[in-house]
Amino acid sequence: MTDQELIDKYIEPNRQRPGAAEARVAEYGVPVWALVGQLEAVRSDVARVAHDYQLPREAVEAALAYYRRYKTLIDARLEANAS
């Protein structure tokens, strides 16, 4: 699947918190920024994050594809969380 296909299938806007940095995994409600933060914590182990969050591996791959597009915004969101 292409990055766009993964994003279209798994990523949706968060209606309660608008903005690209607040997107989440459809049907699961897990924010992309949370998955990215966890991936950093586990040295990019996609299978582990998928297991820990009970998500399909493709959903984590979709979050990574989305992150590549909105890296600056999501990094800022992670930084705000760390403060």
PDB file of N, CA and C in Angstrom:
ATOM      1  N   MET A   1       0.827  -1.176   0.000  1.00  0.00           N
ATOM      2  CA  MET A   1       0.000   0.000   0.000  1.00  0.00           C
ATOM      3  C   MET A   1       0.880   1.251   0.000  1.00  0.00           C
ATOM      4  N   THR A   2       0.456   2.258  -0.719  1.00  0.00           N
ATOM      5  CA  THR A   2       1.194   3.525  -0.702  1.00  0.00           C
ATOM      6  C   THR A   2       0.914   4.272   0.596  1.00  0.00           C
ATOM      7  N   ASP A   3       1.735   5.270   0.874  1.00  0.00           N
ATOM      8  CA  ASP A   3       1.501   6.091   2.064  1.00  0.00           C
ATOM      9  C   ASP A   3       0.095   6.680   2.037  1.00  0.00           C
ATOM     10  N   GLN A   4      -0.320   7.199   0.888  1.00  0.00           N
ATOM     11  CA  GLN A   4      -1.645   7.817   0.802  1.00  0.00           C
ATOM     12  C   GLN A   4      -2.755   6.803   1.054  1.00  0.00           C
ATOM     13  N   GLU A   5      -2.610   5.620   0.534  1.00  0.00           N
ATOM     14  CA  GLU A   5      -3.616   4.579   0.760  1.00  0.00           C
ATOM     15  C   GLU A   5      -3.704   4.205   2.245  1.00  0.00           C
ATOM     16  N   LEU A   6      -2.554   4.096   2.895  1.00  0.00           N
ATOM     17  CA  LEU A   6      -2.551   3.801   4.334  1.00  0.00           C
ATOM     18  C   LEU A   6      -3.227   4.920   5.126  1.00  0.00           C
ATOM     19  N   ILE A   7      -2.870   6.151   4.803  1.00  0.00           N
ATOM     20  CA  ILE A   7      -3.470   7.297   5.496  1.00  0.00           C
ATOM     21  C   ILE A   7      -4.975   7.326   5.274  1.00  0.00           C
ATOM     22  N   ASP A   8      -5.403   7.139   4.042  1.00  0.00           N
ATOM     23  CA  ASP A   8      -6.842   7.152   3.735  1.00  0.00           C
ATOM     24  C   ASP A   8      -7.592   6.060   4.483  1.00  0.00           C
ATOM     25  N   LYS A   9      -6.966   4.925   4.644  1.00  0.00           N
ATOM     26  CA  LYS A   9      -7.621   3.789   5.290  1.00  0.00           C
ATOM     27  C   LYS A   9      -7.667   3.929   6.810  1.00  0.00           C
ATOM     28  N   TYR A  10      -6.606   4.455   7.414  1.00  0.00           N
ATOM     29  CA  TYR A  10      -6.493   4.391   8.871  1.00  0.00           C
ATOM     30  C   TYR A  10      -6.505   5.719   9.635  1.00  0.00           C
ATOM     31  N   ILE A  11      -6.241   6.826   8.990  1.00  0.00           N
ATOM     32  CA  ILE A  11      -6.099   8.081   9.723  1.00  0.00           C
ATOM     33  C   ILE A  11      -7.305   8.985   9.482  1.00  0.00           C
ATOM     34  N   GLU A  12      -7.778   9.594  10.559  1.00  0.00           N
ATOM     35  CA  GLU A  12      -8.916  10.515  10.465  1.00  0.00           C
ATOM     36  C   GLU A  12      -8.655  11.735  11.339  1.00  0.00           C
ATOM     37  N   PRO A  13      -9.326  12.847  11.020  1.00  0.00           N
ATOM     38  CA  PRO A  13      -9.192  14.020  11.890  1.00  0.00           C
ATOM     39  C   PRO A  13      -9.885  13.771  13.225  1.00  0.00           C
ATOM     40  N   ASN A  14      -9.409  14.438  14.236  1.00  0.00           N
ATOM     41  CA  ASN A  14     -10.055  14.387  15.550  1.00  0.00           C
ATOM     42  C   ASN A  14     -11.045  15.550  15.597  1.00  0.00           C
ATOM     43  N   ARG A  15     -12.309  15.252  15.609  1.00  0.00           N
ATOM     44  CA  ARG A  15     -13.330  16.310  15.556  1.00  0.00           C
ATOM     45  C   ARG A  15     -13.365  17.168  16.821  1.00  0.00           C
ATOM     46  N   GLN A  16     -12.951  16.609  17.938  1.00  0.00           N
ATOM     47  CA  GLN A  16     -12.921  17.367  19.191  1.00  0.00           C
ATOM     48  C   GLN A  16     -11.694  18.267  19.288  1.00  0.00           C
ATOM     49  N   ARG A  17     -10.632  17.897  18.576  1.00  0.00           N
ATOM     50  CA  ARG A  17      -9.380  18.668  18.623  1.00  0.00           C
ATOM     51  C   ARG A  17      -8.882  18.837  17.197  1.00  0.00           C
ATOM     52  N   PRO A  18      -9.362  19.867  16.509  1.00  0.00           N
ATOM     53  CA  PRO A  18      -8.984  20.046  15.107  1.00  0.00           C
ATOM     54  C   PRO A  18      -7.494  20.357  14.923  1.00  0.00           C
ATOM     55  N   GLY A  19      -7.001  20.039  13.759  1.00  0.00           N
ATOM     56  CA  GLY A  19      -5.622  20.319  13.399  1.00  0.00           C
ATOM     57  C   GLY A  19      -4.883  19.051  13.014  1.00  0.00           C
ATOM     58  N   ALA A  20      -3.943  19.203  12.114  1.00  0.00           N
ATOM     59  CA  ALA A  20      -3.193  18.056  11.597  1.00  0.00           C
ATOM     60  C   ALA A  20      -2.453  17.303  12.702  1.00  0.00           C
ATOM     61  N   ALA A  21      -1.997  18.005  13.724  1.00  0.00           N
ATOM     62  CA  ALA A  21      -1.242  17.358  14.808  1.00  0.00           C
ATOM     63  C   ALA A  21      -2.124  16.501  15.709  1.00  0.00           C
ATOM     64  N   GLU A  22      -3.429  16.622  15.585  1.00  0.00           N
ATOM     65  CA  GLU A  22      -4.361  15.889  16.447  1.00  0.00           C
ATOM     66  C   GLU A  22      -5.024  14.699  15.745  1.00  0.00           C
ATOM     67  N   ALA A  23      -4.612  14.388  14.522  1.00  0.00           N
ATOM     68  CA  ALA A  23      -5.197  13.259  13.790  1.00  0.00           C
ATOM     69  C   ALA A  23      -5.039  11.980  14.598  1.00  0.00           C
ATOM     70  N   ARG A  24      -5.919  11.027  14.324  1.00  0.00           N
ATOM     71  CA  ARG A  24      -5.895   9.780  15.088  1.00  0.00           C
ATOM     72  C   ARG A  24      -6.193   8.589  14.199  1.00  0.00           C
ATOM     73  N   VAL A  25      -5.999   7.415  14.749  1.00  0.00           N
ATOM     74  CA  VAL A  25      -6.282   6.174  14.017  1.00  0.00           C
ATOM     75  C   VAL A  25      -7.794   5.935  14.057  1.00  0.00           C
ATOM     76  N   ALA A  26      -8.386   5.866  12.893  1.00  0.00           N
ATOM     77  CA  ALA A  26      -9.830   5.652  12.773  1.00  0.00           C
ATOM     78  C   ALA A  26     -10.225   4.356  13.468  1.00  0.00           C
ATOM     79  N   GLU A  27     -11.374   4.371  14.099  1.00  0.00           N
ATOM     80  CA  GLU A  27     -11.979   3.243  14.819  1.00  0.00           C
ATOM     81  C   GLU A  27     -11.277   2.894  16.135  1.00  0.00           C
ATOM     82  N   TYR A  28     -10.093   3.423  16.345  1.00  0.00           N
ATOM     83  CA  TYR A  28      -9.362   3.132  17.579  1.00  0.00           C
ATOM     84  C   TYR A  28      -9.190   4.379  18.438  1.00  0.00           C
ATOM     85  N   GLY A  29      -9.182   5.540  17.819  1.00  0.00           N
ATOM     86  CA  GLY A  29      -9.083   6.797  18.549  1.00  0.00           C
ATOM     87  C   GLY A  29      -7.708   7.136  19.097  1.00  0.00           C
ATOM     88  N   VAL A  30      -6.693   6.375  18.736  1.00  0.00           N
ATOM     89  CA  VAL A  30      -5.347   6.634  19.243  1.00  0.00           C
ATOM     90  C   VAL A  30      -4.720   7.762  18.430  1.00  0.00           C
ATOM     91  N   PRO A  31      -4.259   8.823  19.083  1.00  0.00           N
ATOM     92  CA  PRO A  31      -3.636   9.918  18.341  1.00  0.00           C
ATOM     93  C   PRO A  31      -2.331   9.494  17.669  1.00  0.00           C
ATOM     94  N   VAL A  32      -2.124  10.026  16.481  1.00  0.00           N
ATOM     95  CA  VAL A  32      -0.879   9.749  15.764  1.00  0.00           C
ATOM     96  C   VAL A  32       0.317  10.162  16.612  1.00  0.00           C
ATOM     97  N   TRP A  33       0.235  11.327  17.266  1.00  0.00           N
ATOM     98  CA  TRP A  33       1.374  11.800  18.064  1.00  0.00           C
ATOM     99  C   TRP A  33       1.724  10.810  19.182  1.00  0.00           C
ATOM    100  N   ALA A  34       0.727  10.151  19.747  1.00  0.00           N
ATOM    101  CA  ALA A  34       0.993   9.181  20.811  1.00  0.00           C
ATOM    102  C   ALA A  34       1.756   7.974  20.265  1.00  0.00           C
ATOM    103  N   LEU A  35       1.373   7.523  19.083  1.00  0.00           N
ATOM    104  CA  LEU A  35       2.069   6.396  18.467  1.00  0.00           C
ATOM    105  C   LEU A  35       3.508   6.768  18.109  1.00  0.00           C
ATOM    106  N   VAL A  36       3.689   7.969  17.597  1.00  0.00           N
ATOM    107  CA  VAL A  36       5.034   8.430  17.247  1.00  0.00           C
ATOM    108  C   VAL A  36       5.903   8.499  18.503  1.00  0.00           C
ATOM    109  N   GLY A  37       5.357   9.030  19.574  1.00  0.00           N
ATOM    110  CA  GLY A  37       6.104   9.091  20.826  1.00  0.00           C
ATOM    111  C   GLY A  37       6.471   7.713  21.337  1.00  0.00           C
ATOM    112  N   GLN A  38       5.552   6.785  21.237  1.00  0.00           N
ATOM    113  CA  GLN A  38       5.834   5.410  21.687  1.00  0.00           C
ATOM    114  C   GLN A  38       6.873   4.749  20.786  1.00  0.00           C
ATOM    115  N   LEU A  39       6.781   5.003  19.490  1.00  0.00           N
ATOM    116  CA  LEU A  39       7.781   4.452  18.574  1.00  0.00           C
ATOM    117  C   LEU A  39       9.175   4.943  18.932  1.00  0.00           C
ATOM    118  N   GLU A  40       9.295   6.197  19.301  1.00  0.00           N
ATOM    119  CA  GLU A  40      10.595   6.722  19.716  1.00  0.00           C
ATOM    120  C   GLU A  40      11.075   6.009  20.983  1.00  0.00           C
ATOM    121  N   ALA A  41      10.156   5.733  21.883  1.00  0.00           N
ATOM    122  CA  ALA A  41      10.507   5.091  23.151  1.00  0.00           C
ATOM    123  C   ALA A  41      10.963   3.637  22.971  1.00  0.00           C
ATOM    124  N   VAL A  42      10.450   2.973  21.933  1.00  0.00           N
ATOM    125  CA  VAL A  42      10.783   1.555  21.728  1.00  0.00           C
ATOM    126  C   VAL A  42      11.671   1.343  20.497  1.00  0.00           C
ATOM    127  N   ARG A  43      12.415   2.374  20.165  1.00  0.00           N
ATOM    128  CA  ARG A  43      13.393   2.292  19.069  1.00  0.00           C
ATOM    129  C   ARG A  43      12.780   1.853  17.747  1.00  0.00           C
ATOM    130  N   SER A  44      11.642   2.444  17.416  1.00  0.00           N
ATOM    131  CA  SER A  44      10.961   2.232  16.129  1.00  0.00           C
ATOM    132  C   SER A  44      10.485   0.799  15.904  1.00  0.00           C
ATOM    133  N   ASP A  45      10.156   0.096  16.966  1.00  0.00           N
ATOM    134  CA  ASP A  45       9.652  -1.277  16.858  1.00  0.00           C
ATOM    135  C   ASP A  45       8.148  -1.234  16.564  1.00  0.00           C
ATOM    136  N   VAL A  46       7.821  -1.228  15.276  1.00  0.00           N
ATOM    137  CA  VAL A  46       6.427  -1.098  14.834  1.00  0.00           C
ATOM    138  C   VAL A  46       5.569  -2.235  15.373  1.00  0.00           C
ATOM    139  N   ALA A  47       6.075  -3.455  15.336  1.00  0.00           N
ATOM    140  CA  ALA A  47       5.308  -4.610  15.818  1.00  0.00           C
ATOM    141  C   ALA A  47       4.972  -4.467  17.303  1.00  0.00           C
ATOM    142  N   ARG A  48       5.912  -3.974  18.072  1.00  0.00           N
ATOM    143  CA  ARG A  48       5.658  -3.800  19.509  1.00  0.00           C
ATOM    144  C   ARG A  48       4.590  -2.746  19.761  1.00  0.00           C
ATOM    145  N   VAL A  49       4.668  -1.629  19.050  1.00  0.00           N
ATOM    146  CA  VAL A  49       3.664  -0.572  19.231  1.00  0.00           C
ATOM    147  C   VAL A  49       2.294  -1.084  18.804  1.00  0.00           C
ATOM    148  N   ALA A  50       2.233  -1.799  17.700  1.00  0.00           N
ATOM    149  CA  ALA A  50       0.959  -2.373  17.259  1.00  0.00           C
ATOM    150  C   ALA A  50       0.398  -3.293  18.335  1.00  0.00           C
ATOM    151  N   HIS A  51       1.237  -4.120  18.911  1.00  0.00           N
ATOM    152  CA  HIS A  51       0.809  -5.032  19.972  1.00  0.00           C
ATOM    153  C   HIS A  51       0.369  -4.253  21.217  1.00  0.00           C
ATOM    154  N   ASP A  52       1.196  -3.306  21.648  1.00  0.00           N
ATOM    155  CA  ASP A  52       0.900  -2.550  22.865  1.00  0.00           C
ATOM    156  C   ASP A  52      -0.420  -1.786  22.778  1.00  0.00           C
ATOM    157  N   TYR A  53      -0.735  -1.264  21.594  1.00  0.00           N
ATOM    158  CA  TYR A  53      -1.960  -0.478  21.417  1.00  0.00           C
ATOM    159  C   TYR A  53      -3.105  -1.302  20.820  1.00  0.00           C
ATOM    160  N   GLN A  54      -2.848  -2.577  20.587  1.00  0.00           N
ATOM    161  CA  GLN A  54      -3.832  -3.482  19.986  1.00  0.00           C
ATOM    162  C   GLN A  54      -4.359  -2.926  18.666  1.00  0.00           C
ATOM    163  N   LEU A  55      -3.425  -2.554  17.810  1.00  0.00           N
ATOM    164  CA  LEU A  55      -3.720  -2.008  16.489  1.00  0.00           C
ATOM    165  C   LEU A  55      -3.169  -2.940  15.417  1.00  0.00           C
ATOM    166  N   PRO A  56      -3.771  -2.903  14.233  1.00  0.00           N
ATOM    167  CA  PRO A  56      -3.126  -3.607  13.119  1.00  0.00           C
ATOM    168  C   PRO A  56      -1.787  -2.943  12.809  1.00  0.00           C
ATOM    169  N   ARG A  57      -0.820  -3.725  12.416  1.00  0.00           N
ATOM    170  CA  ARG A  57       0.493  -3.173  12.058  1.00  0.00           C
ATOM    171  C   ARG A  57       0.351  -2.088  10.997  1.00  0.00           C
ATOM    172  N   GLU A  58      -0.545  -2.303  10.039  1.00  0.00           N
ATOM    173  CA  GLU A  58      -0.765  -1.309   8.986  1.00  0.00           C
ATOM    174  C   GLU A  58      -1.199   0.037   9.557  1.00  0.00           C
ATOM    175  N   ALA A  59      -1.942   0.031  10.644  1.00  0.00           N
ATOM    176  CA  ALA A  59      -2.389   1.291  11.255  1.00  0.00           C
ATOM    177  C   ALA A  59      -1.195   2.068  11.801  1.00  0.00           C
ATOM    178  N   VAL A  60      -0.229   1.361  12.372  1.00  0.00           N
ATOM    179  CA  VAL A  60       0.982   2.022  12.867  1.00  0.00           C
ATOM    180  C   VAL A  60       1.797   2.533  11.677  1.00  0.00           C
ATOM    181  N   GLU A  61       1.866   1.750  10.621  1.00  0.00           N
ATOM    182  CA  GLU A  61       2.556   2.197   9.402  1.00  0.00           C
ATOM    183  C   GLU A  61       1.861   3.441   8.830  1.00  0.00           C
ATOM    184  N   ALA A  62       0.547   3.487   8.898  1.00  0.00           N
ATOM    185  CA  ALA A  62      -0.199   4.658   8.433  1.00  0.00           C
ATOM    186  C   ALA A  62       0.133   5.879   9.281  1.00  0.00           C
ATOM    187  N   ALA A  63       0.242   5.682  10.590  1.00  0.00           N
ATOM    188  CA  ALA A  63       0.613   6.787  11.479  1.00  0.00           C
ATOM    189  C   ALA A  63       2.002   7.308  11.124  1.00  0.00           C
ATOM    190  N   LEU A  64       2.919   6.417  10.806  1.00  0.00           N
ATOM    191  CA  LEU A  64       4.261   6.839  10.394  1.00  0.00           C
ATOM    192  C   LEU A  64       4.220   7.604   9.072  1.00  0.00           C
ATOM    193  N   ALA A  65       3.406   7.149   8.145  1.00  0.00           N
ATOM    194  CA  ALA A  65       3.269   7.848   6.862  1.00  0.00           C
ATOM    195  C   ALA A  65       2.711   9.252   7.092  1.00  0.00           C
ATOM    196  N   TYR A  66       1.723   9.346   7.952  1.00  0.00           N
ATOM    197  CA  TYR A  66       1.129  10.641   8.280  1.00  0.00           C
ATOM    198  C   TYR A  66       2.166  11.529   8.973  1.00  0.00           C
ATOM    199  N   TYR A  67       2.920  10.958   9.869  1.00  0.00           N
ATOM    200  CA  TYR A  67       3.961  11.699  10.573  1.00  0.00           C
ATOM    201  C   TYR A  67       4.977  12.283   9.597  1.00  0.00           C
ATOM    202  N   ARG A  68       5.366  11.514   8.604  1.00  0.00           N
ATOM    203  CA  ARG A  68       6.323  12.019   7.619  1.00  0.00           C
ATOM    204  C   ARG A  68       5.787  13.270   6.924  1.00  0.00           C
ATOM    205  N   ARG A  69       4.499  13.353   6.737  1.00  0.00           N
ATOM    206  CA  ARG A  69       3.884  14.525   6.087  1.00  0.00           C
ATOM    207  C   ARG A  69       3.771  15.721   7.018  1.00  0.00           C
ATOM    208  N   TYR A  70       3.537  15.463   8.281  1.00  0.00           N
ATOM    209  CA  TYR A  70       3.272  16.539   9.241  1.00  0.00           C
ATOM    210  C   TYR A  70       4.267  16.526  10.399  1.00  0.00           C
ATOM    211  N   LYS A  71       5.494  16.158  10.092  1.00  0.00           N
ATOM    212  CA  LYS A  71       6.525  15.991  11.110  1.00  0.00           C
ATOM    213  C   LYS A  71       6.679  17.215  12.010  1.00  0.00           C
ATOM    214  N   THR A  72       6.767  18.382  11.434  1.00  0.00           N
ATOM    215  CA  THR A  72       6.973  19.597  12.224  1.00  0.00           C
ATOM    216  C   THR A  72       5.837  19.820  13.206  1.00  0.00           C
ATOM    217  N   LEU A  73       4.605  19.655  12.750  1.00  0.00           N
ATOM    218  CA  LEU A  73       3.440  19.859  13.617  1.00  0.00           C
ATOM    219  C   LEU A  73       3.364  18.807  14.720  1.00  0.00           C
ATOM    220  N   ILE A  74       3.614  17.568  14.363  1.00  0.00           N
ATOM    221  CA  ILE A  74       3.528  16.492  15.356  1.00  0.00           C
ATOM    222  C   ILE A  74       4.689  16.576  16.345  1.00  0.00           C
ATOM    223  N   ASP A  75       5.857  16.930  15.868  1.00  0.00           N
ATOM    224  CA  ASP A  75       6.980  17.128  16.787  1.00  0.00           C
ATOM    225  C   ASP A  75       6.673  18.247  17.785  1.00  0.00           C
ATOM    226  N   ALA A  76       6.040  19.314  17.317  1.00  0.00           N
ATOM    227  CA  ALA A  76       5.652  20.411  18.217  1.00  0.00           C
ATOM    228  C   ALA A  76       4.631  19.925  19.240  1.00  0.00           C
ATOM    229  N   ARG A  77       3.717  19.069  18.816  1.00  0.00           N
ATOM    230  CA  ARG A  77       2.709  18.506  19.734  1.00  0.00           C
ATOM    231  C   ARG A  77       3.381  17.645  20.798  1.00  0.00           C
ATOM    232  N   LEU A  78       4.340  16.837  20.393  1.00  0.00           N
ATOM    233  CA  LEU A  78       5.083  16.007  21.343  1.00  0.00           C
ATOM    234  C   LEU A  78       5.871  16.877  22.310  1.00  0.00           C
ATOM    235  N   GLU A  79       6.467  17.925  21.809  1.00  0.00           N
ATOM    236  CA  GLU A  79       7.235  18.845  22.663  1.00  0.00           C
ATOM    237  C   GLU A  79       6.319  19.514  23.684  1.00  0.00           C
ATOM    238  N   ALA A  80       5.135  19.906  23.256  1.00  0.00           N
ATOM    239  CA  ALA A  80       4.168  20.529  24.177  1.00  0.00           C
ATOM    240  C   ALA A  80       3.770  19.545  25.279  1.00  0.00           C
ATOM    241  N   ASN A  81       3.651  18.284  24.924  1.00  0.00           N
ATOM    242  CA  ASN A  81       3.316  17.259  25.914  1.00  0.00           C
ATOM    243  C   ASN A  81       4.430  17.082  26.936  1.00  0.00           C
ATOM    244  N   ALA A  82       5.657  17.218  26.478  1.00  0.00           N
ATOM    245  CA  ALA A  82       6.808  17.011  27.355  1.00  0.00           C
ATOM    246  C   ALA A  82       6.987  18.152  28.343  1.00  0.00           C
ATOM    247  N   SER A  83       6.418  19.303  28.039  1.00  0.00           N
ATOM    248  CA  SER A  83       6.579  20.479  28.916  1.00  0.00           C
ATOM    249  C   SER A  83       5.698  20.425  30.127  1.00  0.00           C
TER     250      SER A  83
END
